N, C-alpha and C. Protein backbone atom coordinates (compact mmCIF):
# COMPACT_ATOMS: atom_id res chain seq x y z
N MET A 1 115.57 144.23 118.91
CA MET A 1 114.36 144.58 119.40
C MET A 1 113.90 146.24 119.72
N ALA A 2 114.66 146.30 120.44
CA ALA A 2 114.52 148.02 121.17
C ALA A 2 114.30 148.96 119.92
N LEU A 3 115.38 148.34 118.71
CA LEU A 3 115.95 150.07 118.12
C LEU A 3 114.89 149.69 117.17
N LEU A 4 113.75 148.67 116.81
CA LEU A 4 112.71 148.48 115.97
C LEU A 4 111.18 149.23 116.91
N GLU A 5 111.93 149.41 117.85
CA GLU A 5 110.58 149.71 118.51
C GLU A 5 111.05 151.89 119.10
N THR A 6 112.45 151.70 119.07
CA THR A 6 112.63 153.63 119.27
C THR A 6 112.99 153.67 117.86
N GLN A 7 113.26 153.08 116.64
CA GLN A 7 113.84 153.85 115.91
C GLN A 7 112.61 153.31 114.28
N PRO A 8 111.07 153.03 114.63
CA PRO A 8 110.52 152.53 113.52
C PRO A 8 110.98 153.07 112.16
N GLU A 9 111.30 154.24 111.76
CA GLU A 9 111.54 154.42 110.44
C GLU A 9 113.00 154.24 109.70
N ALA A 10 113.30 153.81 110.70
CA ALA A 10 115.17 153.42 110.10
C ALA A 10 115.02 152.99 108.76
N ARG A 11 115.67 152.99 107.86
CA ARG A 11 115.62 152.33 106.70
C ARG A 11 116.64 151.50 107.00
N GLU A 12 117.49 151.04 107.93
CA GLU A 12 118.27 150.33 107.81
C GLU A 12 119.02 149.58 109.19
N ILE A 13 118.78 148.44 109.51
CA ILE A 13 119.41 148.83 111.01
C ILE A 13 120.42 147.66 111.52
N LEU A 14 121.64 147.53 111.57
CA LEU A 14 123.03 146.53 111.27
C LEU A 14 122.82 146.10 113.01
N VAL A 15 122.87 144.70 113.17
CA VAL A 15 123.70 144.40 113.86
C VAL A 15 125.18 144.55 114.27
N ASP A 16 126.31 144.43 115.37
CA ASP A 16 127.58 144.75 115.64
C ASP A 16 128.43 144.40 113.65
N ALA A 17 128.20 142.83 113.99
CA ALA A 17 128.52 141.49 113.48
C ALA A 17 128.41 141.84 111.89
N VAL A 18 127.39 142.83 111.58
CA VAL A 18 127.56 142.89 110.10
C VAL A 18 128.20 143.83 109.55
N LYS A 19 128.69 144.97 110.20
CA LYS A 19 129.22 146.44 110.36
C LYS A 19 130.46 146.08 109.69
N PHE A 20 131.01 145.86 110.01
CA PHE A 20 133.14 145.10 109.09
C PHE A 20 132.71 145.00 107.18
N LEU A 21 131.59 144.11 107.15
CA LEU A 21 131.10 143.93 105.99
C LEU A 21 130.04 145.22 105.06
N ARG A 22 129.86 146.08 106.38
CA ARG A 22 128.68 146.81 105.37
C ARG A 22 129.19 147.75 105.03
N PHE A 23 130.17 148.27 105.69
CA PHE A 23 131.24 149.76 105.22
C PHE A 23 132.97 149.15 105.05
N SER A 24 132.26 148.69 104.50
CA SER A 24 133.89 147.78 104.26
C SER A 24 134.33 148.36 102.96
N GLU A 25 133.90 148.79 102.08
CA GLU A 25 133.50 149.42 100.48
C GLU A 25 133.74 150.65 100.72
N ILE A 26 133.47 151.31 101.39
CA ILE A 26 133.64 152.99 102.36
C ILE A 26 134.73 153.15 102.48
N GLU A 27 135.16 151.68 103.79
CA GLU A 27 136.49 152.19 104.00
C GLU A 27 137.48 151.08 102.87
N ASN A 28 137.85 151.26 102.00
CA ASN A 28 138.41 151.24 101.02
C ASN A 28 138.95 149.35 102.10
N ARG A 29 138.51 148.22 101.74
CA ARG A 29 138.72 147.72 102.69
C ARG A 29 137.82 145.92 102.51
N TYR A 30 137.36 146.53 101.32
CA TYR A 30 136.39 144.89 100.71
C TYR A 30 137.17 143.71 100.40
N ASP A 31 137.67 143.54 99.87
CA ASP A 31 138.75 142.74 99.51
C ASP A 31 139.09 141.60 100.41
N GLU A 32 139.45 142.25 101.71
CA GLU A 32 140.12 142.11 102.86
C GLU A 32 138.55 141.84 103.82
N ALA A 33 138.51 142.09 103.90
CA ALA A 33 136.37 141.81 104.38
C ALA A 33 136.32 140.12 103.85
N ILE A 34 136.05 140.54 102.50
CA ILE A 34 135.18 139.42 101.80
C ILE A 34 136.02 137.59 101.91
N ALA A 35 137.38 137.88 102.41
CA ALA A 35 138.83 137.01 101.78
C ALA A 35 138.82 136.87 103.34
N ALA A 36 138.07 137.61 104.56
CA ALA A 36 138.00 137.03 105.38
C ALA A 36 136.56 136.21 105.87
N LEU A 37 136.01 136.44 104.79
CA LEU A 37 134.38 135.25 104.95
C LEU A 37 134.84 134.17 104.43
N ASN A 38 135.91 134.07 103.07
CA ASN A 38 135.86 132.88 102.40
C ASN A 38 137.17 132.78 102.08
N PRO A 39 137.65 131.46 102.86
CA PRO A 39 139.19 131.54 102.27
C PRO A 39 140.04 131.17 101.15
N SER A 40 138.76 130.66 100.48
CA SER A 40 139.19 130.95 98.60
C SER A 40 139.26 132.59 97.64
N VAL A 41 139.15 132.32 98.36
CA VAL A 41 139.09 134.47 98.13
C VAL A 41 140.13 135.22 97.86
N LYS A 42 140.65 134.87 99.67
CA LYS A 42 142.05 134.64 99.63
C LYS A 42 143.30 134.67 99.98
N LEU A 43 143.01 133.15 98.77
CA LEU A 43 144.27 133.13 98.34
C LEU A 43 144.35 134.26 97.24
N LYS A 44 143.31 134.30 96.14
CA LYS A 44 143.36 134.94 95.12
C LYS A 44 143.73 137.07 95.14
N VAL A 45 143.18 137.35 96.77
CA VAL A 45 143.97 138.53 97.37
C VAL A 45 145.04 138.72 97.22
N ALA A 46 145.61 137.58 97.73
CA ALA A 46 146.74 137.51 98.57
C ALA A 46 147.95 137.34 97.17
N ASP A 47 147.33 137.06 95.69
CA ASP A 47 148.38 136.64 94.94
C ASP A 47 148.13 138.65 94.19
N ARG A 48 147.44 139.77 94.70
CA ARG A 48 147.93 140.73 94.46
C ARG A 48 149.30 141.37 94.37
């Protein structure tokens, strides 16, 4: 809540828990991030 009070004009406020997914495409690890969230995707990624 302090972030909302100190930065009310912020376009995006992220909690630490979602940063791995938010920046995964930029960091070229999107497939791995999705696989971490969904085990059924993990099998498809491993088949590459």
